[in-house]
Amino acid sequence: MKLKKEYIVHSAGGESFLVPTGGADFSGIVKGNETFGAVLDLLKEETTEAELITSMKSRFDAPEGAIERDVQKVINELRKIGALDG
């Protein structure tokens, strides 16, 4: 899976934003924390959910299962708005 080219990722002040361009079906801005931004950055390239989780585990020290839940939540939200290819 990969973030569709119709979406731009921007980070500022510890927050991350996903902004659709004119070609996207979604209209609005999605705002999230540092974890959200890290997942978006990884999704700029083709990857799998398992690869996302492995990369996130190397970046963040979190309780067992928390990273998996966070990654799944981000993926579900991105699928809901049509921001993912694959």
PDB file of N, CA and C in Angstrom:
ATOM      1  N   MET A   1       0.841  -1.173   0.000  1.00  0.00           N
ATOM      2  CA  MET A   1       0.000   0.000   0.000  1.00  0.00           C
ATOM      3  C   MET A   1       0.880   1.227   0.000  1.00  0.00           C
ATOM      4  N   LYS A   2       0.304   2.332  -0.452  1.00  0.00           N
ATOM      5  CA  LYS A   2       1.047   3.570  -0.576  1.00  0.00           C
ATOM      6  C   LYS A   2       0.060   4.734  -0.543  1.00  0.00           C
ATOM      7  N   LEU A   3       0.505   5.865  -0.024  1.00  0.00           N
ATOM      8  CA  LEU A   3      -0.316   7.065  -0.015  1.00  0.00           C
ATOM      9  C   LEU A   3      -0.518   7.530  -1.459  1.00  0.00           C
ATOM     10  N   LYS A   4      -1.744   7.865  -1.812  1.00  0.00           N
ATOM     11  CA  LYS A   4      -2.023   8.335  -3.167  1.00  0.00           C
ATOM     12  C   LYS A   4      -1.328   9.667  -3.415  1.00  0.00           C
ATOM     13  N   LYS A   5      -0.944   9.878  -4.667  1.00  0.00           N
ATOM     14  CA  LYS A   5      -0.211  11.089  -5.031  1.00  0.00           C
ATOM     15  C   LYS A   5      -1.055  12.348  -4.895  1.00  0.00           C
ATOM     16  N   GLU A   6      -2.356  12.204  -4.747  1.00  0.00           N
ATOM     17  CA  GLU A   6      -3.251  13.355  -4.593  1.00  0.00           C
ATOM     18  C   GLU A   6      -3.254  13.924  -3.173  1.00  0.00           C
ATOM     19  N   TYR A   7      -2.398  13.402  -2.307  1.00  0.00           N
ATOM     20  CA  TYR A   7      -2.342  13.855  -0.914  1.00  0.00           C
ATOM     21  C   TYR A   7      -0.944  14.355  -0.567  1.00  0.00           C
ATOM     22  N   ILE A   8      -0.898  15.446   0.176  1.00  0.00           N
ATOM     23  CA  ILE A   8       0.349  16.060   0.602  1.00  0.00           C
ATOM     24  C   ILE A   8       0.444  15.946   2.121  1.00  0.00           C
ATOM     25  N   VAL A   9       1.630  15.615   2.604  1.00  0.00           N
ATOM     26  CA  VAL A   9       1.878  15.503   4.042  1.00  0.00           C
ATOM     27  C   VAL A   9       2.660  16.742   4.483  1.00  0.00           C
ATOM     28  N   HIS A  10       2.213  17.344   5.572  1.00  0.00           N
ATOM     29  CA  HIS A  10       2.904  18.508   6.120  1.00  0.00           C
ATOM     30  C   HIS A  10       2.973  18.351   7.641  1.00  0.00           C
ATOM     31  N   SER A  11       4.127  18.680   8.216  1.00  0.00           N
ATOM     32  CA  SER A  11       4.294  18.619   9.667  1.00  0.00           C
ATOM     33  C   SER A  11       4.733  19.983  10.175  1.00  0.00           C
ATOM     34  N   ALA A  12       4.162  20.390  11.313  1.00  0.00           N
ATOM     35  CA  ALA A  12       4.518  21.666  11.930  1.00  0.00           C
ATOM     36  C   ALA A  12       4.134  21.626  13.400  1.00  0.00           C
ATOM     37  N   GLY A  13       5.029  22.091  14.253  1.00  0.00           N
ATOM     38  CA  GLY A  13       4.725  22.199  15.673  1.00  0.00           C
ATOM     39  C   GLY A  13       4.316  20.907  16.346  1.00  0.00           C
ATOM     40  N   GLY A  14       4.910  19.793  15.946  1.00  0.00           N
ATOM     41  CA  GLY A  14       4.587  18.511  16.568  1.00  0.00           C
ATOM     42  C   GLY A  14       3.307  17.869  16.060  1.00  0.00           C
ATOM     43  N   GLU A  15       2.671  18.492  15.078  1.00  0.00           N
ATOM     44  CA  GLU A  15       1.455  17.933  14.489  1.00  0.00           C
ATOM     45  C   GLU A  15       1.714  17.641  13.016  1.00  0.00           C
ATOM     46  N   SER A  16       0.979  16.682  12.497  1.00  0.00           N
ATOM     47  CA  SER A  16       1.080  16.317  11.088  1.00  0.00           C
ATOM     48  C   SER A  16      -0.273  16.498  10.435  1.00  0.00           C
ATOM     49  N   PHE A  17      -0.226  16.892   9.172  1.00  0.00           N
ATOM     50  CA  PHE A  17      -1.450  17.170   8.427  1.00  0.00           C
ATOM     51  C   PHE A  17      -1.415  16.428   7.096  1.00  0.00           C
ATOM     52  N   LEU A  18      -2.544  15.873   6.718  1.00  0.00           N
ATOM     53  CA  LEU A  18      -2.712  15.253   5.414  1.00  0.00           C
ATOM     54  C   LEU A  18      -3.686  16.138   4.650  1.00  0.00           C
ATOM     55  N   VAL A  19      -3.211  16.674   3.535  1.00  0.00           N
ATOM     56  CA  VAL A  19      -3.994  17.648   2.775  1.00  0.00           C
ATOM     57  C   VAL A  19      -4.235  17.104   1.371  1.00  0.00           C
ATOM     58  N   PRO A  20      -5.498  17.008   0.952  1.00  0.00           N
ATOM     59  CA  PRO A  20      -5.776  16.542  -0.399  1.00  0.00           C
ATOM     60  C   PRO A  20      -5.554  17.657  -1.418  1.00  0.00           C
ATOM     61  N   THR A  21      -5.128  17.276  -2.610  1.00  0.00           N
ATOM     62  CA  THR A  21      -5.027  18.234  -3.700  1.00  0.00           C
ATOM     63  C   THR A  21      -6.356  18.226  -4.445  1.00  0.00           C
ATOM     64  N   GLY A  22      -6.458  19.010  -5.477  1.00  0.00           N
ATOM     65  CA  GLY A  22      -7.706  19.103  -6.235  1.00  0.00           C
ATOM     66  C   GLY A  22      -8.157  17.799  -6.854  1.00  0.00           C
ATOM     67  N   GLY A  23      -7.240  16.859  -7.087  1.00  0.00           N
ATOM     68  CA  GLY A  23      -7.590  15.597  -7.721  1.00  0.00           C
ATOM     69  C   GLY A  23      -8.121  14.536  -6.769  1.00  0.00           C
ATOM     70  N   ALA A  24      -8.132  14.811  -5.477  1.00  0.00           N
ATOM     71  CA  ALA A  24      -8.575  13.821  -4.492  1.00  0.00           C
ATOM     72  C   ALA A  24     -10.093  13.840  -4.349  1.00  0.00           C
ATOM     73  N   ASP A  25     -10.646  12.694  -3.979  1.00  0.00           N
ATOM     74  CA  ASP A  25     -12.086  12.592  -3.750  1.00  0.00           C
ATOM     75  C   ASP A  25     -12.484  13.143  -2.388  1.00  0.00           C
ATOM     76  N   PHE A  26     -11.544  13.234  -1.481  1.00  0.00           N
ATOM     77  CA  PHE A  26     -11.789  13.717  -0.123  1.00  0.00           C
ATOM     78  C   PHE A  26     -11.544  15.217  -0.062  1.00  0.00           C
ATOM     79  N   SER A  27     -12.364  15.896   0.701  1.00  0.00           N
ATOM     80  CA  SER A  27     -12.196  17.332   0.871  1.00  0.00           C
ATOM     81  C   SER A  27     -12.120  17.617   2.358  1.00  0.00           C
ATOM     82  N   GLY A  28     -11.023  18.165   2.802  1.00  0.00           N
ATOM     83  CA  GLY A  28     -10.809  18.450   4.211  1.00  0.00           C
ATOM     84  C   GLY A  28      -9.351  18.225   4.555  1.00  0.00           C
ATOM     85  N   ILE A  29      -9.019  18.426   5.813  1.00  0.00           N
ATOM     86  CA  ILE A  29      -7.656  18.217   6.284  1.00  0.00           C
ATOM     87  C   ILE A  29      -7.703  17.221   7.439  1.00  0.00           C
ATOM     88  N   VAL A  30      -6.789  16.270   7.428  1.00  0.00           N
ATOM     89  CA  VAL A  30      -6.690  15.300   8.515  1.00  0.00           C
ATOM     90  C   VAL A  30      -5.480  15.706   9.354  1.00  0.00           C
ATOM     91  N   LYS A  31      -5.700  15.897  10.656  1.00  0.00           N
ATOM     92  CA  LYS A  31      -4.651  16.324  11.565  1.00  0.00           C
ATOM     93  C   LYS A  31      -4.345  15.199  12.540  1.00  0.00           C
ATOM     94  N   GLY A  32      -3.051  15.008  12.825  1.00  0.00           N
ATOM     95  CA  GLY A  32      -2.667  13.971  13.773  1.00  0.00           C
ATOM     96  C   GLY A  32      -1.372  14.306  14.484  1.00  0.00           C
ATOM     97  N   ASN A  33      -0.955  13.389  15.340  1.00  0.00           N
ATOM     98  CA  ASN A  33       0.242  13.579  16.151  1.00  0.00           C
ATOM     99  C   ASN A  33       1.496  13.076  15.440  1.00  0.00           C
ATOM    100  N   GLU A  34       2.583  12.980  16.187  1.00  0.00           N
ATOM    101  CA  GLU A  34       3.864  12.539  15.632  1.00  0.00           C
ATOM    102  C   GLU A  34       3.781  11.117  15.080  1.00  0.00           C
ATOM    103  N   THR A  35       3.052  10.247  15.751  1.00  0.00           N
ATOM    104  CA  THR A  35       2.891   8.871  15.281  1.00  0.00           C
ATOM    105  C   THR A  35       2.189   8.856  13.925  1.00  0.00           C
ATOM    106  N   PHE A  36       1.125   9.632  13.800  1.00  0.00           N
ATOM    107  CA  PHE A  36       0.399   9.752  12.538  1.00  0.00           C
ATOM    108  C   PHE A  36       1.348  10.220  11.434  1.00  0.00           C
ATOM    109  N   GLY A  37       2.154  11.229  11.734  1.00  0.00           N
ATOM    110  CA  GLY A  37       3.102  11.748  10.761  1.00  0.00           C
ATOM    111  C   GLY A  37       4.139  10.725  10.341  1.00  0.00           C
ATOM    112  N   ALA A  38       4.615   9.928  11.300  1.00  0.00           N
ATOM    113  CA  ALA A  38       5.607   8.894  10.986  1.00  0.00           C
ATOM    114  C   ALA A  38       5.023   7.849  10.047  1.00  0.00           C
ATOM    115  N   VAL A  39       3.782   7.448  10.280  1.00  0.00           N
ATOM    116  CA  VAL A  39       3.127   6.478   9.400  1.00  0.00           C
ATOM    117  C   VAL A  39       2.952   7.085   8.009  1.00  0.00           C
ATOM    118  N   LEU A  40       2.514   8.340   7.937  1.00  0.00           N
ATOM    119  CA  LEU A  40       2.346   8.997   6.635  1.00  0.00           C
ATOM    120  C   LEU A  40       3.669   9.054   5.879  1.00  0.00           C
ATOM    121  N   ASP A  41       4.751   9.373   6.572  1.00  0.00           N
ATOM    122  CA  ASP A  41       6.059   9.420   5.915  1.00  0.00           C
ATOM    123  C   ASP A  41       6.440   8.067   5.338  1.00  0.00           C
ATOM    124  N   LEU A  42       6.179   7.004   6.083  1.00  0.00           N
ATOM    125  CA  LEU A  42       6.493   5.657   5.606  1.00  0.00           C
ATOM    126  C   LEU A  42       5.625   5.269   4.415  1.00  0.00           C
ATOM    127  N   LEU A  43       4.413   5.810   4.365  1.00  0.00           N
ATOM    128  CA  LEU A  43       3.491   5.485   3.281  1.00  0.00           C
ATOM    129  C   LEU A  43       3.769   6.255   1.991  1.00  0.00           C
ATOM    130  N   LYS A  44       4.792   7.086   1.994  1.00  0.00           N
ATOM    131  CA  LYS A  44       5.181   7.768   0.760  1.00  0.00           C
ATOM    132  C   LYS A  44       5.779   6.783  -0.237  1.00  0.00           C
ATOM    133  N   GLU A  45       6.257   5.647   0.288  1.00  0.00           N
ATOM    134  CA  GLU A  45       6.805   4.558  -0.524  1.00  0.00           C
ATOM    135  C   GLU A  45       5.924   3.327  -0.334  1.00  0.00           C
ATOM    136  N   GLU A  46       5.917   2.452  -1.307  1.00  0.00           N
ATOM    137  CA  GLU A  46       5.149   1.207  -1.217  1.00  0.00           C
ATOM    138  C   GLU A  46       5.611   0.410  -0.003  1.00  0.00           C
ATOM    139  N   THR A  47       4.673  -0.043   0.823  1.00  0.00           N
ATOM    140  CA  THR A  47       5.004  -0.790   2.036  1.00  0.00           C
ATOM    141  C   THR A  47       3.832  -1.687   2.422  1.00  0.00           C
ATOM    142  N   THR A  48       4.060  -2.521   3.411  1.00  0.00           N
ATOM    143  CA  THR A  48       2.993  -3.375   3.938  1.00  0.00           C
ATOM    144  C   THR A  48       2.712  -2.966   5.380  1.00  0.00           C
ATOM    145  N   GLU A  49       1.617  -3.449   5.905  1.00  0.00           N
ATOM    146  CA  GLU A  49       1.291  -3.162   7.303  1.00  0.00           C
ATOM    147  C   GLU A  49       2.365  -3.718   8.232  1.00  0.00           C
ATOM    148  N   ALA A  50       2.853  -4.909   7.947  1.00  0.00           N
ATOM    149  CA  ALA A  50       3.898  -5.512   8.785  1.00  0.00           C
ATOM    150  C   ALA A  50       5.176  -4.668   8.748  1.00  0.00           C
ATOM    151  N   GLU A  51       5.538  -4.148   7.588  1.00  0.00           N
ATOM    152  CA  GLU A  51       6.724  -3.300   7.479  1.00  0.00           C
ATOM    153  C   GLU A  51       6.528  -1.982   8.232  1.00  0.00           C
ATOM    154  N   LEU A  52       5.321  -1.440   8.170  1.00  0.00           N
ATOM    155  CA  LEU A  52       5.016  -0.221   8.923  1.00  0.00           C
ATOM    156  C   LEU A  52       5.218  -0.458  10.420  1.00  0.00           C
ATOM    157  N   ILE A  53       4.679  -1.551  10.910  1.00  0.00           N
ATOM    158  CA  ILE A  53       4.772  -1.863  12.343  1.00  0.00           C
ATOM    159  C   ILE A  53       6.231  -2.047  12.757  1.00  0.00           C
ATOM    160  N   THR A  54       7.007  -2.763  11.956  1.00  0.00           N
ATOM    161  CA  THR A  54       8.427  -2.971  12.261  1.00  0.00           C
ATOM    162  C   THR A  54       9.168  -1.634  12.310  1.00  0.00           C
ATOM    163  N   SER A  55       8.932  -0.776  11.336  1.00  0.00           N
ATOM    164  CA  SER A  55       9.587   0.539  11.314  1.00  0.00           C
ATOM    165  C   SER A  55       9.178   1.391  12.502  1.00  0.00           C
ATOM    166  N   MET A  56       7.910   1.348  12.844  1.00  0.00           N
ATOM    167  CA  MET A  56       7.417   2.145  13.969  1.00  0.00           C
ATOM    168  C   MET A  56       8.000   1.638  15.292  1.00  0.00           C
ATOM    169  N   LYS A  57       8.156   0.330  15.427  1.00  0.00           N
ATOM    170  CA  LYS A  57       8.743  -0.235  16.651  1.00  0.00           C
ATOM    171  C   LYS A  57      10.188   0.216  16.820  1.00  0.00           C
ATOM    172  N   SER A  58      10.894   0.418  15.705  1.00  0.00           N
ATOM    173  CA  SER A  58      12.282   0.870  15.811  1.00  0.00           C
ATOM    174  C   SER A  58      12.363   2.368  16.138  1.00  0.00           C
ATOM    175  N   ARG A  59      11.313   3.117  15.859  1.00  0.00           N
ATOM    176  CA  ARG A  59      11.299   4.559  16.116  1.00  0.00           C
ATOM    177  C   ARG A  59      10.753   4.926  17.490  1.00  0.00           C
ATOM    178  N   PHE A  60       9.775   4.155  17.960  1.00  0.00           N
ATOM    179  CA  PHE A  60       9.063   4.521  19.183  1.00  0.00           C
ATOM    180  C   PHE A  60       9.143   3.411  20.217  1.00  0.00           C
ATOM    181  N   ASP A  61       9.254   3.807  21.475  1.00  0.00           N
ATOM    182  CA  ASP A  61       9.216   2.868  22.590  1.00  0.00           C
ATOM    183  C   ASP A  61       7.798   2.926  23.152  1.00  0.00           C
ATOM    184  N   ALA A  62       7.030   1.890  22.891  1.00  0.00           N
ATOM    185  CA  ALA A  62       5.623   1.877  23.301  1.00  0.00           C
ATOM    186  C   ALA A  62       5.270   0.504  23.862  1.00  0.00           C
ATOM    187  N   PRO A  63       4.215   0.436  24.684  1.00  0.00           N
ATOM    188  CA  PRO A  63       3.781  -0.850  25.230  1.00  0.00           C
ATOM    189  C   PRO A  63       3.411  -1.841  24.118  1.00  0.00           C
ATOM    190  N   GLU A  64       3.574  -3.113  24.429  1.00  0.00           N
ATOM    191  CA  GLU A  64       3.239  -4.176  23.491  1.00  0.00           C
ATOM    192  C   GLU A  64       1.816  -4.004  22.962  1.00  0.00           C
ATOM    193  N   GLY A  65       1.660  -4.042  21.684  1.00  0.00           N
ATOM    194  CA  GLY A  65       0.345  -3.938  21.064  1.00  0.00           C
ATOM    195  C   GLY A  65      -0.078  -2.519  20.723  1.00  0.00           C
ATOM    196  N   ALA A  66       0.506  -1.522  21.368  1.00  0.00           N
ATOM    197  CA  ALA A  66       0.095  -0.134  21.126  1.00  0.00           C
ATOM    198  C   ALA A  66       0.435   0.309  19.703  1.00  0.00           C
ATOM    199  N   ILE A  67       1.614  -0.035  19.248  1.00  0.00           N
ATOM    200  CA  ILE A  67       2.023   0.362  17.898  1.00  0.00           C
ATOM    201  C   ILE A  67       1.140  -0.314  16.858  1.00  0.00           C
ATOM    202  N   GLU A  68       0.861  -1.589  17.051  1.00  0.00           N
ATOM    203  CA  GLU A  68       0.000  -2.298  16.105  1.00  0.00           C
ATOM    204  C   GLU A  68      -1.373  -1.635  16.029  1.00  0.00           C
ATOM    205  N   ARG A  69      -1.936  -1.280  17.184  1.00  0.00           N
ATOM    206  CA  ARG A  69      -3.255  -0.629  17.204  1.00  0.00           C
ATOM    207  C   ARG A  69      -3.206   0.740  16.530  1.00  0.00           C
ATOM    208  N   ASP A  70      -2.152   1.498  16.813  1.00  0.00           N
ATOM    209  CA  ASP A  70      -2.025   2.831  16.219  1.00  0.00           C
ATOM    210  C   ASP A  70      -1.881   2.762  14.705  1.00  0.00           C
ATOM    211  N   VAL A  71      -1.046   1.854  14.233  1.00  0.00           N
ATOM    212  CA  VAL A  71      -0.859   1.697  12.788  1.00  0.00           C
ATOM    213  C   VAL A  71      -2.166   1.278  12.128  1.00  0.00           C
ATOM    214  N   GLN A  72      -2.864   0.323  12.717  1.00  0.00           N
ATOM    215  CA  GLN A  72      -4.133  -0.136  12.162  1.00  0.00           C
ATOM    216  C   GLN A  72      -5.160   0.996  12.132  1.00  0.00           C
ATOM    217  N   LYS A  73      -5.191   1.812  13.170  1.00  0.00           N
ATOM    218  CA  LYS A  73      -6.127   2.936  13.218  1.00  0.00           C
ATOM    219  C   LYS A  73      -5.837   3.928  12.092  1.00  0.00           C
ATOM    220  N   VAL A  74      -4.567   4.256  11.886  1.00  0.00           N
ATOM    221  CA  VAL A  74      -4.208   5.194  10.813  1.00  0.00           C
ATOM    222  C   VAL A  74      -4.580   4.610   9.453  1.00  0.00           C
ATOM    223  N   ILE A  75      -4.248   3.342   9.229  1.00  0.00           N
ATOM    224  CA  ILE A  75      -4.574   2.698   7.952  1.00  0.00           C
ATOM    225  C   ILE A  75      -6.079   2.717   7.712  1.00  0.00           C
ATOM    226  N   ASN A  76      -6.861   2.384   8.727  1.00  0.00           N
ATOM    227  CA  ASN A  76      -8.321   2.377   8.578  1.00  0.00           C
ATOM    228  C   ASN A  76      -8.852   3.756   8.216  1.00  0.00           C
ATOM    229  N   GLU A  77      -8.334   4.795   8.877  1.00  0.00           N
ATOM    230  CA  GLU A  77      -8.787   6.163   8.593  1.00  0.00           C
ATOM    231  C   GLU A  77      -8.410   6.570   7.167  1.00  0.00           C
ATOM    232  N   LEU A  78      -7.196   6.235   6.756  1.00  0.00           N
ATOM    233  CA  LEU A  78      -6.753   6.592   5.410  1.00  0.00           C
ATOM    234  C   LEU A  78      -7.563   5.850   4.346  1.00  0.00           C
ATOM    235  N   ARG A  79      -7.903   4.602   4.611  1.00  0.00           N
ATOM    236  CA  ARG A  79      -8.751   3.858   3.675  1.00  0.00           C
ATOM    237  C   ARG A  79     -10.151   4.461   3.603  1.00  0.00           C
ATOM    238  N   LYS A  80     -10.655   4.896   4.745  1.00  0.00           N
ATOM    239  CA  LYS A  80     -12.000   5.473   4.814  1.00  0.00           C
ATOM    240  C   LYS A  80     -12.121   6.713   3.917  1.00  0.00           C
ATOM    241  N   ILE A  81     -11.056   7.509   3.861  1.00  0.00           N
ATOM    242  CA  ILE A  81     -11.120   8.731   3.034  1.00  0.00           C
ATOM    243  C   ILE A  81     -10.566   8.502   1.632  1.00  0.00           C
ATOM    244  N   GLY A  82     -10.128   7.287   1.335  1.00  0.00           N
ATOM    245  CA  GLY A  82      -9.633   6.960  -0.003  1.00  0.00           C
ATOM    246  C   GLY A  82      -8.237   7.472  -0.289  1.00  0.00           C
ATOM    247  N   ALA A  83      -7.390   7.566   0.742  1.00  0.00           N
ATOM    248  CA  ALA A  83      -6.046   8.125   0.568  1.00  0.00           C
ATOM    249  C   ALA A  83      -4.976   7.081   0.260  1.00  0.00           C
ATOM    250  N   LEU A  84      -5.343   5.799   0.237  1.00  0.00           N
ATOM    251  CA  LEU A  84      -4.360   4.747   0.012  1.00  0.00           C
ATOM    252  C   LEU A  84      -4.561   4.036  -1.316  1.00  0.00           C
ATOM    253  N   ASP A  85      -3.445   3.723  -1.964  1.00  0.00           N
ATOM    254  CA  ASP A  85      -3.435   2.812  -3.110  1.00  0.00           C
ATOM    255  C   ASP A  85      -3.072   1.451  -2.548  1.00  0.00           C
ATOM    256  N   GLY A  86      -3.865   0.462  -2.877  1.00  0.00           N
ATOM    257  CA  GLY A  86      -3.547  -0.884  -2.423  1.00  0.00           C
ATOM    258  C   GLY A  86      -4.117  -1.272  -1.106  1.00  0.00           C
TER     259      GLY A  86
END
